[in-house]
PDB file of N, CA and C in Angstrom:
ATOM      1  N   MET A   1       0.845  -1.171   0.000  1.00  0.00           N
ATOM      2  CA  MET A   1       0.000   0.000   0.000  1.00  0.00           C
ATOM      3  C   MET A   1       0.890   1.232   0.000  1.00  0.00           C
ATOM      4  N   GLN A   2       0.545   2.226  -0.786  1.00  0.00           N
ATOM      5  CA  GLN A   2       1.297   3.470  -0.827  1.00  0.00           C
ATOM      6  C   GLN A   2       0.337   4.636  -0.685  1.00  0.00           C
ATOM      7  N   ALA A   3       0.837   5.693  -0.097  1.00  0.00           N
ATOM      8  CA  ALA A   3       0.033   6.906   0.044  1.00  0.00           C
ATOM      9  C   ALA A   3       0.935   8.112  -0.111  1.00  0.00           C
ATOM     10  N   ALA A   4       0.380   9.152  -0.668  1.00  0.00           N
ATOM     11  CA  ALA A   4       1.136  10.400  -0.779  1.00  0.00           C
ATOM     12  C   ALA A   4       1.200  11.053   0.595  1.00  0.00           C
ATOM     13  N   CYS A   5       2.272  11.728   0.868  1.00  0.00           N
ATOM     14  CA  CYS A   5       2.463  12.371   2.174  1.00  0.00           C
ATOM     15  C   CYS A   5       1.738  13.712   2.198  1.00  0.00           C
ATOM     16  N   LEU A   6       0.945  13.926   3.199  1.00  0.00           N
ATOM     17  CA  LEU A   6       0.284  15.202   3.404  1.00  0.00           C
ATOM     18  C   LEU A   6       1.091  15.984   4.423  1.00  0.00           C
ATOM     19  N   ARG A   7       1.470  17.201   4.058  1.00  0.00           N
ATOM     20  CA  ARG A   7       2.258  18.004   4.977  1.00  0.00           C
ATOM     21  C   ARG A   7       1.723  19.418   4.964  1.00  0.00           C
ATOM     22  N   MET A   8       1.453  19.933   6.146  1.00  0.00           N
ATOM     23  CA  MET A   8       1.017  21.309   6.282  1.00  0.00           C
ATOM     24  C   MET A   8       1.916  21.971   7.313  1.00  0.00           C
ATOM     25  N   THR A   9       2.258  23.208   7.088  1.00  0.00           N
ATOM     26  CA  THR A   9       3.016  23.962   8.078  1.00  0.00           C
ATOM     27  C   THR A   9       2.328  25.301   8.299  1.00  0.00           C
ATOM     28  N   PHE A  10       2.224  25.678   9.550  1.00  0.00           N
ATOM     29  CA  PHE A  10       1.658  26.969   9.897  1.00  0.00           C
ATOM     30  C   PHE A  10       2.089  27.307  11.315  1.00  0.00           C
ATOM     31  N   PRO A  11       2.315  28.593  11.588  1.00  0.00           N
ATOM     32  CA  PRO A  11       2.700  28.980  12.943  1.00  0.00           C
ATOM     33  C   PRO A  11       1.505  28.826  13.882  1.00  0.00           C
ATOM     34  N   SER A  12       1.761  28.301  15.064  1.00  0.00           N
ATOM     35  CA  SER A  12       0.681  28.104  16.031  1.00  0.00           C
ATOM     36  C   SER A  12       1.254  28.087  17.439  1.00  0.00           C
ATOM     37  N   SER A  13       0.518  28.660  18.362  1.00  0.00           N
ATOM     38  CA  SER A  13       0.925  28.608  19.769  1.00  0.00           C
ATOM     39  C   SER A  13       0.200  27.476  20.486  1.00  0.00           C
ATOM     40  N   GLN A  14      -0.550  26.665  19.739  1.00  0.00           N
ATOM     41  CA  GLN A  14      -1.365  25.601  20.314  1.00  0.00           C
ATOM     42  C   GLN A  14      -1.264  24.354  19.456  1.00  0.00           C
ATOM     43  N   ILE A  15      -1.277  23.180  20.093  1.00  0.00           N
ATOM     44  CA  ILE A  15      -1.230  21.900  19.374  1.00  0.00           C
ATOM     45  C   ILE A  15      -2.615  21.282  19.389  1.00  0.00           C
ATOM     46  N   GLU A  16      -3.075  20.843  18.226  1.00  0.00           N
ATOM     47  CA  GLU A  16      -4.337  20.115  18.143  1.00  0.00           C
ATOM     48  C   GLU A  16      -4.027  18.702  17.697  1.00  0.00           C
ATOM     49  N   TRP A  17      -4.308  17.729  18.555  1.00  0.00           N
ATOM     50  CA  TRP A  17      -4.036  16.329  18.254  1.00  0.00           C
ATOM     51  C   TRP A  17      -5.209  15.736  17.495  1.00  0.00           C
ATOM     52  N   MET A  18      -4.941  14.646  16.763  1.00  0.00           N
ATOM     53  CA  MET A  18      -6.000  13.945  16.044  1.00  0.00           C
ATOM     54  C   MET A  18      -6.995  13.351  17.037  1.00  0.00           C
ATOM     55  N   ASP A  19      -8.274  13.298  16.626  1.00  0.00           N
ATOM     56  CA  ASP A  19      -9.288  12.654  17.459  1.00  0.00           C
ATOM     57  C   ASP A  19      -9.062  11.156  17.481  1.00  0.00           C
ATOM     58  N   LYS A  20      -9.557  10.514  18.536  1.00  0.00           N
ATOM     59  CA  LYS A  20      -9.520   9.051  18.579  1.00  0.00           C
ATOM     60  C   LYS A  20     -10.442   8.510  17.494  1.00  0.00           C
ATOM     61  N   PRO A  21     -10.112   7.324  16.921  1.00  0.00           N
ATOM     62  CA  PRO A  21     -10.980   6.759  15.893  1.00  0.00           C
ATOM     63  C   PRO A  21     -12.349   6.402  16.477  1.00  0.00           C
ATOM     64  N   LEU A  22     -13.385   6.566  15.667  1.00  0.00           N
ATOM     65  CA  LEU A  22     -14.736   6.303  16.146  1.00  0.00           C
ATOM     66  C   LEU A  22     -15.210   4.897  15.819  1.00  0.00           C
ATOM     67  N   PHE A  23     -15.199   4.527  14.563  1.00  0.00           N
ATOM     68  CA  PHE A  23     -15.802   3.271  14.125  1.00  0.00           C
ATOM     69  C   PHE A  23     -14.878   2.546  13.163  1.00  0.00           C
ATOM     70  N   GLY A  24     -15.269   1.337  12.797  1.00  0.00           N
ATOM     71  CA  GLY A  24     -14.596   0.608  11.731  1.00  0.00           C
ATOM     72  C   GLY A  24     -13.717  -0.506  12.231  1.00  0.00           C
ATOM     73  N   GLY A  25     -13.586  -1.507  11.409  1.00  0.00           N
ATOM     74  CA  GLY A  25     -12.719  -2.631  11.729  1.00  0.00           C
ATOM     75  C   GLY A  25     -13.355  -3.622  12.677  1.00  0.00           C
ATOM     76  N   LEU A  26     -12.621  -4.697  12.911  1.00  0.00           N
ATOM     77  CA  LEU A  26     -13.124  -5.779  13.762  1.00  0.00           C
ATOM     78  C   LEU A  26     -12.685  -5.646  15.212  1.00  0.00           C
ATOM     79  N   TYR A  27     -11.730  -4.805  15.484  1.00  0.00           N
ATOM     80  CA  TYR A  27     -11.180  -4.698  16.832  1.00  0.00           C
ATOM     81  C   TYR A  27     -11.753  -3.495  17.566  1.00  0.00           C
ATOM     82  N   ARG A  28     -11.816  -3.611  18.899  1.00  0.00           N
ATOM     83  CA  ARG A  28     -12.343  -2.533  19.720  1.00  0.00           C
ATOM     84  C   ARG A  28     -11.308  -1.433  19.956  1.00  0.00           C
ATOM     85  N   THR A  29     -10.052  -1.684  19.576  1.00  0.00           N
ATOM     86  CA  THR A  29      -9.002  -0.679  19.708  1.00  0.00           C
ATOM     87  C   THR A  29      -8.320  -0.495  18.358  1.00  0.00           C
ATOM     88  N   THR A  30      -7.529   0.517  18.258  1.00  0.00           N
ATOM     89  CA  THR A  30      -6.765   0.738  17.035  1.00  0.00           C
ATOM     90  C   THR A  30      -5.372   1.237  17.390  1.00  0.00           C
ATOM     91  N   SER A  31      -4.402   0.905  16.575  1.00  0.00           N
ATOM     92  CA  SER A  31      -3.049   1.426  16.770  1.00  0.00           C
ATOM     93  C   SER A  31      -3.059   2.892  16.370  1.00  0.00           C
ATOM     94  N   HIS A  32      -2.451   3.702  17.196  1.00  0.00           N
ATOM     95  CA  HIS A  32      -2.510   5.146  17.011  1.00  0.00           C
ATOM     96  C   HIS A  32      -1.080   5.668  17.058  1.00  0.00           C
ATOM     97  N   VAL A  33      -0.643   6.358  16.012  1.00  0.00           N
ATOM     98  CA  VAL A  33       0.715   6.903  15.933  1.00  0.00           C
ATOM     99  C   VAL A  33       0.606   8.376  15.555  1.00  0.00           C
ATOM    100  N   GLU A  34       1.270   9.232  16.311  1.00  0.00           N
ATOM    101  CA  GLU A  34       1.307  10.652  15.977  1.00  0.00           C
ATOM    102  C   GLU A  34       2.729  11.164  16.121  1.00  0.00           C
ATOM    103  N   HIS A  35       3.115  12.045  15.189  1.00  0.00           N
ATOM    104  CA  HIS A  35       4.440  12.661  15.203  1.00  0.00           C
ATOM    105  C   HIS A  35       4.278  14.161  15.414  1.00  0.00           C
ATOM    106  N   LEU A  36       5.099  14.716  16.273  1.00  0.00           N
ATOM    107  CA  LEU A  36       5.134  16.158  16.490  1.00  0.00           C
ATOM    108  C   LEU A  36       6.469  16.674  15.974  1.00  0.00           C
ATOM    109  N   LEU A  37       6.422  17.580  15.000  1.00  0.00           N
ATOM    110  CA  LEU A  37       7.637  18.185  14.454  1.00  0.00           C
ATOM    111  C   LEU A  37       7.668  19.648  14.859  1.00  0.00           C
ATOM    112  N   THR A  38       8.784  20.074  15.448  1.00  0.00           N
ATOM    113  CA  THR A  38       8.947  21.464  15.864  1.00  0.00           C
ATOM    114  C   THR A  38      10.317  21.967  15.437  1.00  0.00           C
ATOM    115  N   LEU A  39      10.440  23.275  15.336  1.00  0.00           N
ATOM    116  CA  LEU A  39      11.726  23.865  14.981  1.00  0.00           C
ATOM    117  C   LEU A  39      12.685  23.903  16.165  1.00  0.00           C
ATOM    118  N   GLU A  40      12.154  23.934  17.381  1.00  0.00           N
ATOM    119  CA  GLU A  40      12.957  23.963  18.610  1.00  0.00           C
ATOM    120  C   GLU A  40      12.637  22.719  19.436  1.00  0.00           C
ATOM    121  N   PRO A  41      13.588  22.229  20.235  1.00  0.00           N
ATOM    122  CA  PRO A  41      13.285  21.104  21.124  1.00  0.00           C
ATOM    123  C   PRO A  41      12.134  21.473  22.071  1.00  0.00           C
ATOM    124  N   THR A  42      11.314  20.490  22.406  1.00  0.00           N
ATOM    125  CA  THR A  42      10.172  20.727  23.285  1.00  0.00           C
ATOM    126  C   THR A  42       9.964  19.521  24.194  1.00  0.00           C
ATOM    127  N   ASP A  43       9.239  19.717  25.282  1.00  0.00           N
ATOM    128  CA  ASP A  43       8.894  18.600  26.165  1.00  0.00           C
ATOM    129  C   ASP A  43       7.386  18.358  26.168  1.00  0.00           C
ATOM    130  N   VAL A  44       6.713  18.776  25.089  1.00  0.00           N
ATOM    131  CA  VAL A  44       5.270  18.596  24.964  1.00  0.00           C
ATOM    132  C   VAL A  44       4.921  17.116  25.044  1.00  0.00           C
ATOM    133  N   SER A  45       3.870  16.797  25.792  1.00  0.00           N
ATOM    134  CA  SER A  45       3.403  15.414  25.878  1.00  0.00           C
ATOM    135  C   SER A  45       2.055  15.294  25.168  1.00  0.00           C
ATOM    136  N   HIS A  46       1.658  14.066  24.910  1.00  0.00           N
ATOM    137  CA  HIS A  46       0.386  13.775  24.249  1.00  0.00           C
ATOM    138  C   HIS A  46      -0.656  13.524  25.330  1.00  0.00           C
ATOM    139  N   PRO A  47      -1.926  13.897  25.101  1.00  0.00           N
ATOM    140  CA  PRO A  47      -2.938  13.704  26.150  1.00  0.00           C
ATOM    141  C   PRO A  47      -3.243  12.254  26.505  1.00  0.00           C
ATOM    142  N   TYR A  48      -3.048  11.291  25.579  1.00  0.00           N
ATOM    143  CA  TYR A  48      -3.358   9.900  25.926  1.00  0.00           C
ATOM    144  C   TYR A  48      -2.424   8.868  25.316  1.00  0.00           C
ATOM    145  N   LEU A  49      -1.364   9.272  24.621  1.00  0.00           N
ATOM    146  CA  LEU A  49      -0.405   8.321  24.064  1.00  0.00           C
ATOM    147  C   LEU A  49       0.954   8.527  24.723  1.00  0.00           C
ATOM    148  N   PRO A  50       1.668   7.436  25.017  1.00  0.00           N
ATOM    149  CA  PRO A  50       3.003   7.583  25.605  1.00  0.00           C
ATOM    150  C   PRO A  50       4.039   7.970  24.542  1.00  0.00           C
ATOM    151  N   LEU A  51       5.067   8.667  24.984  1.00  0.00           N
ATOM    152  CA  LEU A  51       6.177   9.021  24.114  1.00  0.00           C
ATOM    153  C   LEU A  51       6.933   7.751  23.757  1.00  0.00           C
ATOM    154  N   SER A  52       7.156   7.531  22.466  1.00  0.00           N
ATOM    155  CA  SER A  52       7.836   6.327  22.005  1.00  0.00           C
ATOM    156  C   SER A  52       9.283   6.604  21.630  1.00  0.00           C
ATOM    157  N   SER A  53       9.523   7.732  20.938  1.00  0.00           N
ATOM    158  CA  SER A  53      10.890   8.054  20.534  1.00  0.00           C
ATOM    159  C   SER A  53      11.020   9.542  20.239  1.00  0.00           C
ATOM    160  N   GLU A  54      12.258   9.993  20.228  1.00  0.00           N
ATOM    161  CA  GLU A  54      12.576  11.376  19.885  1.00  0.00           C
ATOM    162  C   GLU A  54      13.747  11.367  18.917  1.00  0.00           C
ATOM    163  N   GLY A  55      13.886  12.412  18.156  1.00  0.00           N
ATOM    164  CA  GLY A  55      14.995  12.511  17.215  1.00  0.00           C
ATOM    165  C   GLY A  55      14.832  13.763  16.387  1.00  0.00           C
ATOM    166  N   TRP A  56      15.356  13.718  15.191  1.00  0.00           N
ATOM    167  CA  TRP A  56      15.177  14.841  14.275  1.00  0.00           C
ATOM    168  C   TRP A  56      15.067  14.301  12.868  1.00  0.00           C
ATOM    169  N   VAL A  57      14.424  15.088  12.014  1.00  0.00           N
ATOM    170  CA  VAL A  57      14.280  14.746  10.602  1.00  0.00           C
ATOM    171  C   VAL A  57      14.602  15.990   9.779  1.00  0.00           C
ATOM    172  N   ARG A  58      14.927  15.780   8.523  1.00  0.00           N
ATOM    173  CA  ARG A  58      15.188  16.894   7.612  1.00  0.00           C
ATOM    174  C   ARG A  58      14.185  16.809   6.466  1.00  0.00           C
ATOM    175  N   LEU A  59      13.426  17.877   6.263  1.00  0.00           N
ATOM    176  CA  LEU A  59      12.453  17.977   5.172  1.00  0.00           C
ATOM    177  C   LEU A  59      12.732  19.256   4.402  1.00  0.00           C
ATOM    178  N   ASP A  60      12.932  19.126   3.104  1.00  0.00           N
ATOM    179  CA  ASP A  60      13.172  20.297   2.253  1.00  0.00           C
ATOM    180  C   ASP A  60      14.242  21.224   2.829  1.00  0.00           C
ATOM    181  N   HIS A  61      15.361  20.668   3.192  1.00  0.00           N
ATOM    182  CA  HIS A  61      16.513  21.426   3.687  1.00  0.00           C
ATOM    183  C   HIS A  61      16.261  22.123   5.024  1.00  0.00           C
ATOM    184  N   GLN A  62      15.253  21.691   5.774  1.00  0.00           N
ATOM    185  CA  GLN A  62      14.965  22.249   7.105  1.00  0.00           C
ATOM    186  C   GLN A  62      14.992  21.116   8.121  1.00  0.00           C
ATOM    187  N   ALA A  63      15.706  21.295   9.214  1.00  0.00           N
ATOM    188  CA  ALA A  63      15.751  20.288  10.276  1.00  0.00           C
ATOM    189  C   ALA A  63      14.612  20.532  11.264  1.00  0.00           C
ATOM    190  N   TYR A  64      13.937  19.446  11.665  1.00  0.00           N
ATOM    191  CA  TYR A  64      12.854  19.507  12.643  1.00  0.00           C
ATOM    192  C   TYR A  64      13.147  18.528  13.765  1.00  0.00           C
ATOM    193  N   TYR A  65      12.810  18.915  14.975  1.00  0.00           N
ATOM    194  CA  TYR A  65      12.860  17.990  16.100  1.00  0.00           C
ATOM    195  C   TYR A  65      11.584  17.163  16.063  1.00  0.00           C
ATOM    196  N   ARG A  66      11.714  15.855  16.300  1.00  0.00           N
ATOM    197  CA  ARG A  66      10.580  14.929  16.191  1.00  0.00           C
ATOM    198  C   ARG A  66      10.327  14.226  17.517  1.00  0.00           C
ATOM    199  N   ARG A  67       9.071  14.198  17.917  1.00  0.00           N
ATOM    200  CA  ARG A  67       8.619  13.379  19.053  1.00  0.00           C
ATOM    201  C   ARG A  67       7.522  12.471  18.513  1.00  0.00           C
ATOM    202  N   THR A  68       7.645  11.164  18.735  1.00  0.00           N
ATOM    203  CA  THR A  68       6.673  10.194  18.239  1.00  0.00           C
ATOM    204  C   THR A  68       5.947   9.569  19.417  1.00  0.00           C
ATOM    205  N   PHE A  69       4.632   9.533  19.327  1.00  0.00           N
ATOM    206  CA  PHE A  69       3.766   8.967  20.359  1.00  0.00           C
ATOM    207  C   PHE A  69       3.026   7.778  19.759  1.00  0.00           C
ATOM    208  N   ILE A  70       3.087   6.620  20.421  1.00  0.00           N
ATOM    209  CA  ILE A  70       2.463   5.400  19.892  1.00  0.00           C
ATOM    210  C   ILE A  70       1.724   4.683  21.018  1.00  0.00           C
ATOM    211  N   GLY A  71       0.544   4.165  20.697  1.00  0.00           N
ATOM    212  CA  GLY A  71      -0.206   3.371  21.659  1.00  0.00           C
ATOM    213  C   GLY A  71      -1.469   2.828  21.030  1.00  0.00           C
ATOM    214  N   GLU A  72      -2.223   2.087  21.802  1.00  0.00           N
ATOM    215  CA  GLU A  72      -3.519   1.592  21.354  1.00  0.00           C
ATOM    216  C   GLU A  72      -4.593   2.408  22.038  1.00  0.00           C
ATOM    217  N   THR A  73      -5.581   2.834  21.272  1.00  0.00           N
ATOM    218  CA  THR A  73      -6.665   3.621  21.841  1.00  0.00           C
ATOM    219  C   THR A  73      -7.989   2.929  21.565  1.00  0.00           C
ATOM    220  N   PRO A  74      -8.907   2.994  22.531  1.00  0.00           N
ATOM    221  CA  PRO A  74     -10.227   2.393  22.302  1.00  0.00           C
ATOM    222  C   PRO A  74     -11.022   3.251  21.334  1.00  0.00           C
ATOM    223  N   LYS A  75     -11.857   2.608  20.547  1.00  0.00           N
ATOM    224  CA  LYS A  75     -12.753   3.346  19.667  1.00  0.00           C
ATOM    225  C   LYS A  75     -13.871   3.921  20.535  1.00  0.00           C
ATOM    226  N   GLU A  76     -14.204   5.166  20.286  1.00  0.00           N
ATOM    227  CA  GLU A  76     -15.179   5.832  21.143  1.00  0.00           C
ATOM    228  C   GLU A  76     -16.617   5.461  20.804  1.00  0.00           C
ATOM    229  N   GLY A  77     -16.870   5.057  19.581  1.00  0.00           N
ATOM    230  CA  GLY A  77     -18.209   4.631  19.194  1.00  0.00           C
ATOM    231  C   GLY A  77     -18.177   3.143  18.901  1.00  0.00           C
ATOM    232  N   LEU A  78     -18.970   2.381  19.600  1.00  0.00           N
ATOM    233  CA  LEU A  78     -19.005   0.936  19.382  1.00  0.00           C
ATOM    234  C   LEU A  78     -20.367   0.537  18.821  1.00  0.00           C
ATOM    235  N   ARG A  79     -20.454  -0.683  18.380  1.00  0.00           N
ATOM    236  CA  ARG A  79     -21.661  -1.227  17.756  1.00  0.00           C
ATOM    237  C   ARG A  79     -22.845  -1.172  18.736  1.00  0.00           C
ATOM    238  N   ALA A  80     -23.995  -0.776  18.212  1.00  0.00           N
ATOM    239  CA  ALA A  80     -25.212  -0.780  19.020  1.00  0.00           C
ATOM    240  C   ALA A  80     -25.617  -2.222  19.310  1.00  0.00           C
ATOM    241  N   GLU A  81     -26.422  -2.419  20.339  1.00  0.00           N
ATOM    242  CA  GLU A  81     -26.810  -3.775  20.760  1.00  0.00           C
ATOM    243  C   GLU A  81     -27.570  -4.536  19.683  1.00  0.00           C
ATOM    244  N   ASP A  82     -28.342  -3.843  18.846  1.00  0.00           N
ATOM    245  CA  ASP A  82     -29.138  -4.534  17.825  1.00  0.00           C
ATOM    246  C   ASP A  82     -28.400  -4.719  16.499  1.00  0.00           C
ATOM    247  N   VAL A  83     -27.095  -4.392  16.442  1.00  0.00           N
ATOM    248  CA  VAL A  83     -26.300  -4.561  15.226  1.00  0.00           C
ATOM    249  C   VAL A  83     -25.391  -5.776  15.405  1.00  0.00           C
ATOM    250  N   PRO A  84     -25.511  -6.790  14.531  1.00  0.00           N
ATOM    251  CA  PRO A  84     -24.688  -7.999  14.691  1.00  0.00           C
ATOM    252  C   PRO A  84     -23.211  -7.713  14.412  1.00  0.00           C
ATOM    253  N   PRO A  85     -22.283  -8.518  14.952  1.00  0.00           N
ATOM    254  CA  PRO A  85     -20.862  -8.322  14.696  1.00  0.00           C
ATOM    255  C   PRO A  85     -20.523  -8.623  13.239  1.00  0.00           C
ATOM    256  N   GLU A  86     -19.415  -8.065  12.770  1.00  0.00           N
ATOM    257  CA  GLU A  86     -18.950  -8.335  11.419  1.00  0.00           C
ATOM    258  C   GLU A  86     -18.539  -9.793  11.299  1.00  0.00           C
ATOM    259  N   ARG A  87     -18.633 -10.324  10.084  1.00  0.00           N
ATOM    260  CA  ARG A  87     -18.166 -11.676   9.812  1.00  0.00           C
ATOM    261  C   ARG A  87     -17.234 -11.637   8.624  1.00  0.00           C
ATOM    262  N   ALA A  88     -16.258 -12.521   8.636  1.00  0.00           N
ATOM    263  CA  ALA A  88     -15.391 -12.649   7.461  1.00  0.00           C
ATOM    264  C   ALA A  88     -16.212 -13.272   6.330  1.00  0.00           C
ATOM    265  N   SER A  89     -16.069 -12.739   5.135  1.00  0.00           N
ATOM    266  CA  SER A  89     -16.828 -13.306   4.026  1.00  0.00           C
ATOM    267  C   SER A  89     -16.132 -14.557   3.504  1.00  0.00           C
ATOM    268  N   GLY A  90     -16.897 -15.433   2.895  1.00  0.00           N
ATOM    269  CA  GLY A  90     -16.276 -16.598   2.284  1.00  0.00           C
ATOM    270  C   GLY A  90     -16.811 -17.890   2.684  1.00  0.00           C
TER     271      GLY A  90
END
């Protein structure tokens, strides 16, 4: 599987993290990975994911400090009682 990289840059005094996944898939949790890139070193933490690694990356001749947060998060919306579970086809 391949995907094009989406990259946005804008000055901000506030960090907005991705929402937890709501629905989909067969599992009640999902693997969640987020990267924080900053121009200066920071000790910012994630609201619900543990810090996995730190380092730096270079994009378009600019160095960024990187903090990576990885964990499993529960899906916030689960199947209603009257909806049967998914089945593998075949």
